[in-house]
Protein backbone atom coordinates (compact mmCIF):
# COMPACT_ATOMS: atom_id res chain seq x y z
CA MET A 1 101.53 36.57 21.50
CA GLU A 2 100.67 39.05 24.20
CA LYS A 3 97.90 40.36 22.25
CA ASN A 4 96.62 36.81 21.97
CA ARG A 5 96.64 36.19 25.73
CA GLN A 6 94.91 39.13 26.47
CA LEU A 7 92.03 38.13 24.00
CA ALA A 8 91.89 34.77 25.80
CA ASP A 9 91.97 36.34 29.67
CA GLU A 10 88.71 38.67 28.24
CA GLN A 11 87.02 35.54 26.82
CA GLY A 12 87.74 33.94 29.85
CA ASP A 13 86.48 36.98 31.47
CA CYS A 14 83.19 37.06 29.63
CA SER A 15 82.52 33.22 29.91
CA LYS A 16 82.92 33.77 33.94
CA ILE A 17 80.56 37.00 33.68
CA LEU A 18 78.36 35.21 31.35
CA PHE A 19 77.87 32.10 33.64
CA ALA A 20 77.12 33.97 36.30
CA ILE A 21 74.47 35.90 35.05
CA GLN A 22 73.14 33.08 33.62
CA ASP A 23 73.41 31.30 37.44
CA THR A 24 71.23 34.48 38.48
CA LEU A 25 68.88 34.81 35.89
CA ASP A 26 67.98 30.57 36.87
CA LEU A 27 67.60 31.97 40.12
CA ILE A 28 64.70 34.99 39.63
CA SER A 29 63.94 34.01 36.40
CA GLY A 30 60.31 34.05 35.14
CA LYS A 31 57.54 36.71 35.53
CA TRP A 32 56.66 35.90 39.42
CA LYS A 33 59.81 35.68 41.74
CA ILE A 34 61.43 38.66 41.49
CA LYS A 35 58.03 40.04 42.38
CA VAL A 36 57.17 38.01 45.22
CA VAL A 37 60.85 39.05 46.54
CA SER A 38 60.38 42.75 45.65
CA VAL A 39 56.92 42.71 48.24
CA LEU A 40 58.91 40.91 50.87
CA LEU A 41 61.74 43.58 51.43
CA TYR A 42 59.01 45.60 52.79
CA GLY A 43 58.34 43.13 55.31
CA LYS A 44 56.94 39.62 56.48
CA LYS A 45 54.07 38.74 54.56
CA ASN A 46 51.43 36.09 54.47
CA PHE A 47 50.29 33.71 51.37
CA THR A 48 46.83 36.11 51.20
CA ASP A 49 49.07 39.36 51.38
CA LEU A 50 51.36 38.32 49.05
CA GLN A 51 48.90 36.90 46.45
CA ARG A 52 46.82 40.41 46.93
CA GLN A 53 49.48 42.52 46.29
CA ILE A 54 51.04 41.15 43.04
CA ASP A 55 48.16 41.20 40.57
CA GLY A 56 47.41 38.23 38.40
CA LEU A 57 49.31 35.86 40.24
CA GLY A 58 47.23 32.52 41.33
CA ALA A 59 47.78 30.54 44.65
CA LYS A 60 49.12 27.53 42.62
CA MET A 61 52.25 28.99 40.95
CA LEU A 62 52.72 31.52 44.27
CA SER A 63 53.18 28.26 46.22
CA LYS A 64 55.38 26.87 43.55
CA GLU A 65 57.39 30.22 43.74
CA LEU A 66 57.61 30.36 47.39
CA GLN A 67 59.06 26.83 47.22
CA ASP A 68 61.58 27.48 45.13
CA LEU A 69 62.40 30.62 46.94
CA GLU A 70 62.93 28.86 50.19
CA ILE A 71 64.96 25.93 48.68
CA ASN A 72 67.61 28.73 47.33
CA GLY A 73 67.67 30.35 51.10
CA LEU A 74 66.13 33.94 50.07
CA ILE A 75 63.10 33.32 51.89
CA THR A 76 61.69 31.33 55.29
CA ARG A 77 58.57 30.28 56.27
CA THR A 78 56.87 30.39 59.02
CA VAL A 79 53.81 28.37 60.59
CA ASN A 80 52.21 30.40 62.94
CA ALA A 81 50.02 29.32 65.76
CA THR A 82 46.89 30.91 65.33
CA LYS A 83 43.12 29.88 64.59
CA PRO A 84 43.18 29.04 61.94
CA ILE A 85 46.73 28.18 60.92
CA THR A 86 48.39 30.80 58.97
CA VAL A 87 51.92 30.86 56.97
CA SER A 88 54.34 34.07 56.97
CA TYR A 89 57.15 34.77 54.53
CA GLU A 90 59.52 36.55 54.92
CA LEU A 91 63.62 37.44 53.28
CA THR A 92 66.53 36.05 54.73
CA ASP A 93 69.99 37.83 55.40
CA TYR A 94 70.91 36.29 51.64
CA GLY A 95 67.52 37.08 50.13
CA HIS A 96 68.01 40.85 51.29
CA THR A 97 71.57 41.23 48.98
CA LEU A 98 68.78 41.26 45.93
CA GLU A 99 67.60 44.46 47.27
CA PRO A 100 70.55 46.46 45.11
CA ILE A 101 69.49 44.67 42.06
CA ILE A 102 66.00 45.13 42.49
CA LYS A 103 66.18 49.07 43.01
CA VAL A 104 68.52 49.21 39.95
CA LEU A 105 65.75 47.24 37.76
CA ALA A 106 62.88 49.60 39.21
CA GLU A 107 65.13 53.03 38.31
CA TRP A 108 66.08 51.31 34.97
CA GLY A 109 62.27 50.56 33.97
CA THR A 110 61.18 53.62 35.45
CA GLU A 111 63.68 55.69 33.26
CA HIS A 112 62.83 53.44 30.17
CA ARG A 113 58.98 53.82 30.91
CA HIS A 114 59.70 57.33 30.95
CA LYS A 115 62.32 57.66 27.56
CA ILE A 116 59.58 55.27 25.66
CA THR A 117 56.50 57.12 26.72
CA GLY A 118 57.38 61.25 27.63
CA ARG A 119 56.10 60.28 31.05
């Protein structure tokens, strides 16, 4: 009886963890969002700077990703009173909570590349 209850608790915990992981992946999934957030960890950027720093990211896709990140409260969009008008993007405090995740991903990726390539 006790063993069955423990197994049910473990399965319940596993389900909660899997739901939480899925929520996270839904938010930062895709090829570009995590890269956009990573660039913005280094400070405010305008649209053109983001596009230049993320190789292969087109304007239409960048616009969509920025909109998704803004809707989810990870970035703020500021229209600057310049001529011509420019728009800048920066991480919110909530967006900065992704920094430890990004650092761990980068560290793991570096170690993995070293393991696979020997470099």
